[in-house]
Amino acid sequence: TTGYLNLRMVQDTDSDATNIALQSIPAVFRSESISQEIRLLSRGSGRFQWIVGGYFFQWGGSATMDVNRRTSPTVPFVTARYEPELDGRSFAGFAEGTYELASSLFLTLGGRYTTEKRSFEQVLNGVNLFGKVNNTVKKWTYRAAVRYNFADDANIYASYGTGFKSGVYNFIGTSPIPVKPETIEAAEVGIKADPLDWLRTNLSIYRYDYKNL
């Protein structure tokens, strides 16, 4: 599966959140990205089903943003022009398997290894503040689930998994330090059933524990 995105966007934000023209940010955003995913799946209907694959994502973007500020409508705007550039690359490999432990009882285990590199530079009023800085994050994430099909069209399940997002840079900031990566631990139990041919029902209880959101 291959994806490509080319985005050009013009935006004018009234950022003071009042009905008085005190602050605005007219901006032009430009970004381009490409992704590639390859998957290999098991065949047949045996007790063990699996999937393995790899994922690649590369992106780059820039912007021109004028931050216009003033203290009252009677004084002229003071403008600061930001011209950030951001790019990055992500590689990931993943695998997941589901095994039928007993009749209608399934266990799923999966894992993913991701490495992401982000680069950032900021130009403020024509001055490059710190050159080009980089940040690389490598992370293992995993998932486990158990499912019992108590009918042909209904099951109960419980799952636990982890995830992460590498630390981003503030696009309109002046610091070369990215935020910390976000992580999540997600637990869920629930039931899924199709009581009628045209009706699907889902009921779940879950807890998501975010860090550095």
Protein backbone atom coordinates (compact mmCIF):
# COMPACT_ATOMS: atom_id res chain seq x y z
CA THR A 1 0.00 0.00 0.00
CA THR A 2 1.47 3.31 -1.11
CA GLY A 3 0.30 6.81 -0.18
CA TYR A 4 1.34 10.27 -1.32
CA LEU A 5 0.20 13.67 -0.05
CA ASN A 6 1.01 17.15 -1.33
CA LEU A 7 -0.64 19.94 0.66
CA ARG A 8 -0.74 23.71 0.17
CA MET A 9 -2.90 25.64 2.61
CA VAL A 10 -3.55 29.32 3.31
CA GLN A 11 -4.92 30.18 6.74
CA ASP A 12 -5.68 33.41 8.60
CA THR A 13 -6.28 32.96 12.32
CA ASP A 14 -7.82 35.57 14.59
CA SER A 15 -5.82 34.33 17.57
CA ASP A 16 -6.76 36.79 20.34
CA ALA A 17 -10.23 35.19 20.75
CA THR A 18 -12.03 38.54 21.02
CA ASN A 19 -14.19 40.65 18.75
CA ILE A 20 -11.40 43.25 18.63
CA ALA A 21 -8.61 42.93 16.06
CA LEU A 22 -5.67 42.57 18.44
CA GLN A 23 -3.81 39.55 17.12
CA SER A 24 -3.85 37.60 13.86
CA ILE A 25 -1.68 34.96 12.20
CA PRO A 26 -1.91 34.82 8.41
CA ALA A 27 0.04 31.79 7.27
CA VAL A 28 0.91 29.66 4.28
CA PHE A 29 1.64 25.97 4.93
CA ARG A 30 3.39 23.57 2.57
CA SER A 31 3.88 19.86 3.21
CA GLU A 32 4.63 16.67 1.31
CA SER A 33 4.71 13.07 2.48
CA ILE A 34 4.93 9.52 1.19
CA SER A 35 4.17 6.24 2.93
CA GLN A 36 4.76 2.61 2.03
CA GLU A 37 3.38 -0.42 3.84
CA ILE A 38 4.05 -4.07 3.00
CA ARG A 39 2.13 -6.92 4.65
CA LEU A 40 2.39 -10.68 4.45
CA LEU A 41 -0.55 -12.69 5.78
CA SER A 42 -1.20 -16.33 6.50
CA ARG A 43 -3.61 -18.31 4.37
CA GLY A 44 -6.25 -20.92 5.12
CA SER A 45 -8.39 -21.44 8.20
CA GLY A 46 -6.03 -23.25 10.57
CA ARG A 47 -5.75 -22.66 14.30
CA PHE A 48 -2.91 -20.16 13.85
CA GLN A 49 -3.24 -16.98 11.77
CA TRP A 50 -0.48 -14.40 11.47
CA ILE A 51 0.59 -11.18 9.82
CA VAL A 52 4.03 -9.57 9.45
CA GLY A 53 4.95 -6.34 7.75
CA GLY A 54 6.94 -3.17 7.48
CA TYR A 55 6.03 0.50 7.31
CA PHE A 56 7.92 3.54 6.01
CA PHE A 57 6.83 7.17 6.25
CA GLN A 58 8.71 10.29 5.16
CA TRP A 59 7.49 13.85 5.38
CA GLY A 60 8.65 17.42 5.01
CA GLY A 61 7.05 20.80 5.43
CA SER A 62 7.55 24.52 5.78
CA ALA A 63 5.49 27.57 6.52
CA THR A 64 5.47 31.35 6.43
CA MET A 65 3.60 32.78 9.41
CA ASP A 66 3.22 36.44 10.35
CA VAL A 67 2.24 36.90 13.99
CA ASN A 68 0.61 40.34 14.19
CA ARG A 69 0.10 41.75 17.70
CA ARG A 70 -1.02 45.04 19.21
CA THR A 71 -2.33 46.13 22.60
CA SER A 72 -5.31 48.16 21.34
CA PRO A 73 -7.07 48.91 18.04
CA THR A 74 -5.58 52.42 18.01
CA VAL A 75 -1.92 51.38 17.70
CA PRO A 76 -0.22 49.68 14.73
CA PHE A 77 0.54 45.97 14.62
CA VAL A 78 3.96 44.62 15.54
CA THR A 79 4.78 41.69 13.26
CA ALA A 80 7.07 38.73 13.82
CA ARG A 81 7.65 36.47 10.81
CA TYR A 82 8.28 32.77 11.45
CA GLU A 83 9.59 30.53 8.65
CA PRO A 84 9.98 27.04 10.13
CA GLU A 85 11.03 23.91 8.27
CA LEU A 86 10.33 20.40 9.52
CA ASP A 87 11.02 16.98 8.10
CA GLY A 88 11.25 13.42 9.31
CA ARG A 89 11.41 9.74 8.54
CA SER A 90 9.88 6.74 10.26
CA PHE A 91 10.55 3.01 9.89
CA ALA A 92 8.59 0.27 11.62
CA GLY A 93 8.38 -3.51 11.58
CA PHE A 94 5.48 -5.41 13.09
CA ALA A 95 4.12 -8.91 13.60
CA GLU A 96 0.95 -10.34 15.11
CA GLY A 97 -0.39 -13.83 15.56
CA THR A 98 -3.73 -15.27 16.66
CA TYR A 99 -3.98 -18.85 17.97
CA GLU A 100 -7.15 -20.79 18.77
CA LEU A 101 -6.38 -22.18 22.23
CA ALA A 102 -9.64 -24.13 22.40
CA SER A 103 -12.87 -24.18 20.50
CA SER A 104 -13.89 -20.52 19.90
CA LEU A 105 -11.22 -19.20 22.32
CA PHE A 106 -8.50 -17.10 20.68
CA LEU A 107 -5.29 -15.51 21.94
CA THR A 108 -3.61 -12.67 20.01
CA LEU A 109 -0.08 -11.37 20.58
CA GLY A 110 1.62 -8.65 18.57
CA GLY A 111 4.62 -6.36 18.63
CA ARG A 112 6.00 -3.39 16.72
CA TYR A 113 9.41 -1.70 16.64
CA THR A 114 9.53 1.91 15.43
CA THR A 115 12.37 4.34 14.88
CA GLU A 116 11.56 7.96 14.03
CA LYS A 117 13.80 10.91 13.28
CA ARG A 118 12.52 14.49 13.23
CA SER A 119 14.48 17.55 12.06
CA PHE A 120 13.61 21.19 12.68
CA GLU A 121 14.92 24.67 12.04
CA GLN A 122 13.36 28.04 12.75
CA VAL A 123 13.91 31.39 11.03
CA LEU A 124 12.55 34.41 12.89
CA ASN A 125 12.53 37.75 11.10
CA GLY A 126 15.15 36.50 8.66
CA VAL A 127 17.50 35.09 11.34
CA ASN A 128 18.11 31.35 11.63
CA LEU A 129 17.90 30.84 15.39
CA PHE A 130 19.80 27.59 15.92
CA GLY A 131 20.43 25.85 12.60
CA LYS A 132 19.03 22.41 11.98
CA VAL A 133 18.40 20.18 15.00
CA ASN A 134 17.45 16.49 15.07
CA ASN A 135 15.73 14.12 17.43
CA THR A 136 15.55 10.32 17.07
CA VAL A 137 13.25 8.06 19.10
CA LYS A 138 13.21 4.26 19.06
CA LYS A 139 10.43 2.33 20.74
CA TRP A 140 8.96 -1.16 21.17
CA THR A 141 5.18 -1.40 21.52
CA TYR A 142 3.02 -4.49 21.96
CA ARG A 143 -0.53 -5.76 22.20
CA ALA A 144 -2.24 -8.81 23.73
CA ALA A 145 -5.89 -9.83 23.47
CA VAL A 146 -8.12 -12.77 24.28
CA ARG A 147 -11.47 -13.35 22.55
CA TYR A 148 -14.23 -15.89 23.07
CA ASN A 149 -16.86 -16.40 20.37
CA PHE A 150 -19.85 -17.54 22.42
CA ALA A 151 -22.03 -17.51 19.27
CA ASP A 152 -21.47 -17.39 15.51
CA ASP A 153 -22.13 -13.66 15.48
CA ALA A 154 -21.07 -12.55 18.99
CA ASN A 155 -17.95 -12.47 21.14
CA ILE A 156 -16.50 -11.09 24.33
CA TYR A 157 -12.92 -9.87 24.50
CA ALA A 158 -10.24 -8.26 26.64
CA SER A 159 -7.14 -6.49 25.37
CA TYR A 160 -4.09 -4.59 26.58
CA GLY A 161 -1.71 -2.63 24.41
CA THR A 162 0.84 0.16 24.30
CA GLY A 163 1.59 2.92 21.82
CA PHE A 164 3.71 6.01 21.36
CA LYS A 165 4.21 9.18 19.35
CA SER A 166 7.68 10.64 19.02
CA GLY A 167 8.29 14.09 20.47
CA VAL A 168 7.37 16.95 18.12
CA TYR A 169 8.81 20.43 17.74
CA ASN A 170 6.73 23.56 18.19
CA PHE A 171 6.21 24.81 14.63
CA ILE A 172 5.81 28.40 15.80
CA GLY A 173 8.26 28.13 18.69
CA THR A 174 11.83 29.35 19.16
CA SER A 175 13.19 26.39 21.11
CA PRO A 176 15.35 23.66 19.53
CA ILE A 177 14.15 21.17 22.15
CA PRO A 178 11.22 18.88 21.23
CA VAL A 179 8.57 17.79 23.66
CA LYS A 180 8.89 14.34 25.21
CA PRO A 181 7.37 11.39 23.33
CA GLU A 182 3.76 10.57 24.14
CA THR A 183 3.04 7.07 25.41
CA ILE A 184 -0.17 5.22 26.15
CA GLU A 185 -1.18 2.05 27.96
CA ALA A 186 -4.64 0.93 26.86
CA ALA A 187 -6.83 -1.70 28.53
CA GLU A 188 -10.27 -2.68 27.25
CA VAL A 189 -12.96 -5.30 27.79
CA GLY A 190 -16.15 -5.55 25.80
CA ILE A 191 -18.74 -7.45 23.83
CA LYS A 192 -19.55 -7.35 20.11
CA ALA A 193 -22.70 -8.88 18.66
CA ASP A 194 -24.84 -8.83 15.52
CA PRO A 195 -28.34 -9.58 16.88
CA LEU A 196 -29.88 -8.93 13.45
CA ASP A 197 -28.55 -9.07 9.91
CA TRP A 198 -28.63 -5.29 9.71
CA LEU A 199 -27.67 -4.43 13.31
CA ARG A 200 -24.22 -4.50 14.93
CA THR A 201 -23.79 -3.67 18.62
CA ASN A 202 -20.64 -2.89 20.60
CA LEU A 203 -20.25 -2.31 24.31
CA SER A 204 -16.84 -1.71 25.90
CA ILE A 205 -15.17 -0.45 29.03
CA TYR A 206 -11.69 0.94 28.60
CA ARG A 207 -8.94 2.83 30.40
CA TYR A 208 -6.28 4.83 28.52
CA ASP A 209 -3.29 5.94 30.56
CA TYR A 210 -1.44 8.71 28.68
CA LYS A 211 2.01 10.00 29.61
CA ASN A 212 3.38 13.35 28.32
CA LEU A 213 0.20 14.09 26.37
